Amino acid sequence: MKQTLLNAKELSQRIKFSAAYINHTLKDNVFFEGVHYIKPFGGRKIFYIWEEVERELFKKQQRRLVVPMARGGVCHG
């Protein structure tokens, strides 16, 4: 199993978001520990797993059809 580990600065160069935005906004909201990043040896250093981040970036959003109803409700299609 080959995985490419990147720090936030290296990841920022690939996905065009700042390292600070990645660490403060995307981490734990979009990227999750054990899936998209690891903290080796229980330390503070974070390594993002490029293959998982890339998979998340290209994941198709599920679009649901929502039809508004006359009395304020919605119908999910």
C-alpha atoms as a PDB file:
ATOM      1  CA  MET A   1       0.000   0.000   0.000  1.00  0.00           C
ATOM      2  CA  LYS A   2       1.727   3.137  -1.220  1.00  0.00           C
ATOM      3  CA  GLN A   3       0.471   6.444   0.133  1.00  0.00           C
ATOM      4  CA  THR A   4       1.820   9.905  -0.473  1.00  0.00           C
ATOM      5  CA  LEU A   5       2.098  11.873   2.775  1.00  0.00           C
ATOM      6  CA  LEU A   6       2.105  15.666   2.532  1.00  0.00           C
ATOM      7  CA  ASN A   7       2.315  18.407   5.109  1.00  0.00           C
ATOM      8  CA  ALA A   8      -0.169  21.285   4.877  1.00  0.00           C
ATOM      9  CA  LYS A   9       2.200  23.484   2.867  1.00  0.00           C
ATOM     10  CA  GLU A  10       2.818  20.750   0.279  1.00  0.00           C
ATOM     11  CA  LEU A  11      -0.906  19.988   0.093  1.00  0.00           C
ATOM     12  CA  SER A  12      -1.698  23.680  -0.342  1.00  0.00           C
ATOM     13  CA  GLN A  13       0.451  23.770  -3.470  1.00  0.00           C
ATOM     14  CA  ARG A  14      -1.581  20.933  -4.974  1.00  0.00           C
ATOM     15  CA  ILE A  15      -5.115  22.049  -4.120  1.00  0.00           C
ATOM     16  CA  LYS A  16      -4.612  25.848  -4.190  1.00  0.00           C
ATOM     17  CA  PHE A  17      -5.850  26.569  -0.662  1.00  0.00           C
ATOM     18  CA  SER A  18      -3.589  28.128   1.944  1.00  0.00           C
ATOM     19  CA  ALA A  19      -1.972  25.870   4.531  1.00  0.00           C
ATOM     20  CA  ALA A  20      -3.735  27.830   7.284  1.00  0.00           C
ATOM     21  CA  TYR A  21      -7.138  27.292   5.629  1.00  0.00           C
ATOM     22  CA  ILE A  22      -6.427  23.579   5.292  1.00  0.00           C
ATOM     23  CA  ASN A  23      -5.405  23.217   8.943  1.00  0.00           C
ATOM     24  CA  HIS A  24      -8.067  25.458  10.464  1.00  0.00           C
ATOM     25  CA  THR A  25     -11.106  24.987   8.221  1.00  0.00           C
ATOM     26  CA  LEU A  26     -10.869  21.798   6.168  1.00  0.00           C
ATOM     27  CA  LYS A  27      -9.261  19.636   8.868  1.00  0.00           C
ATOM     28  CA  ASP A  28     -11.948  17.864  10.895  1.00  0.00           C
ATOM     29  CA  ASN A  29     -14.732  19.332   8.724  1.00  0.00           C
ATOM     30  CA  VAL A  30     -13.871  17.851   5.332  1.00  0.00           C
ATOM     31  CA  PHE A  31     -10.640  15.954   6.037  1.00  0.00           C
ATOM     32  CA  PHE A  32     -10.838  13.502   8.943  1.00  0.00           C
ATOM     33  CA  GLU A  33      -8.123  11.901  11.040  1.00  0.00           C
ATOM     34  CA  GLY A  34      -7.491   8.295  10.090  1.00  0.00           C
ATOM     35  CA  VAL A  35      -9.025   8.796   6.655  1.00  0.00           C
ATOM     36  CA  HIS A  36      -7.509  11.932   5.106  1.00  0.00           C
ATOM     37  CA  TYR A  37      -4.700  12.640   7.558  1.00  0.00           C
ATOM     38  CA  ILE A  38      -2.633  11.027  10.283  1.00  0.00           C
ATOM     39  CA  LYS A  39      -0.682  12.200  13.319  1.00  0.00           C
ATOM     40  CA  PRO A  40       2.256   9.800  13.505  1.00  0.00           C
ATOM     41  CA  PHE A  41       3.300   8.590  16.945  1.00  0.00           C
ATOM     42  CA  GLY A  42       0.552  10.636  18.622  1.00  0.00           C
ATOM     43  CA  GLY A  43       2.452  13.841  17.921  1.00  0.00           C
ATOM     44  CA  ARG A  44       1.373  17.266  16.759  1.00  0.00           C
ATOM     45  CA  LYS A  45       2.708  16.888  13.208  1.00  0.00           C
ATOM     46  CA  ILE A  46      -0.025  16.254  10.637  1.00  0.00           C
ATOM     47  CA  PHE A  47       0.462  14.419   7.359  1.00  0.00           C
ATOM     48  CA  TYR A  48      -2.303  14.477   4.759  1.00  0.00           C
ATOM     49  CA  ILE A  49      -2.776  11.345   2.649  1.00  0.00           C
ATOM     50  CA  TRP A  50      -2.814  12.655  -0.900  1.00  0.00           C
ATOM     51  CA  GLU A  51      -4.718   9.731  -2.434  1.00  0.00           C
ATOM     52  CA  GLU A  52      -7.587  10.136   0.067  1.00  0.00           C
ATOM     53  CA  VAL A  53      -7.665  13.928  -0.273  1.00  0.00           C
ATOM     54  CA  GLU A  54      -7.764  13.574  -4.057  1.00  0.00           C
ATOM     55  CA  ARG A  55     -10.607  11.043  -3.800  1.00  0.00           C
ATOM     56  CA  GLU A  56     -12.542  13.504  -1.613  1.00  0.00           C
ATOM     57  CA  LEU A  57     -11.954  16.351  -4.083  1.00  0.00           C
ATOM     58  CA  PHE A  58     -13.372  14.375  -6.989  1.00  0.00           C
ATOM     59  CA  LYS A  59     -16.231  12.737  -5.105  1.00  0.00           C
ATOM     60  CA  LYS A  60     -19.482  13.515  -6.827  1.00  0.00           C
ATOM     61  CA  GLN A  61     -21.979  15.445  -4.796  1.00  0.00           C
ATOM     62  CA  GLN A  62     -25.297  13.705  -4.466  1.00  0.00           C
ATOM     63  CA  ARG A  63     -27.933  15.933  -5.926  1.00  0.00           C
ATOM     64  CA  ARG A  64     -31.449  15.453  -4.706  1.00  0.00           C
ATOM     65  CA  LEU A  65     -34.472  16.789  -6.457  1.00  0.00           C
ATOM     66  CA  VAL A  66     -36.496  18.978  -4.098  1.00  0.00           C
ATOM     67  CA  VAL A  67     -39.867  20.290  -5.285  1.00  0.00           C
ATOM     68  CA  PRO A  68     -41.514  23.074  -3.246  1.00  0.00           C
ATOM     69  CA  MET A  69     -45.122  22.431  -2.334  1.00  0.00           C
ATOM     70  CA  ALA A  70     -47.971  24.969  -2.131  1.00  0.00           C
ATOM     71  CA  ARG A  71     -48.252  25.013   1.676  1.00  0.00           C
ATOM     72  CA  GLY A  72     -44.539  25.423   2.338  1.00  0.00           C
ATOM     73  CA  GLY A  73     -43.542  21.769   2.404  1.00  0.00           C
ATOM     74  CA  VAL A  74     -41.140  20.061   0.027  1.00  0.00           C
ATOM     75  CA  CYS A  75     -41.257  16.844  -1.931  1.00  0.00           C
ATOM     76  CA  HIS A  76     -37.969  14.922  -2.203  1.00  0.00           C
ATOM     77  CA  GLY A  77     -37.514  13.113  -5.465  1.00  0.00           C
END
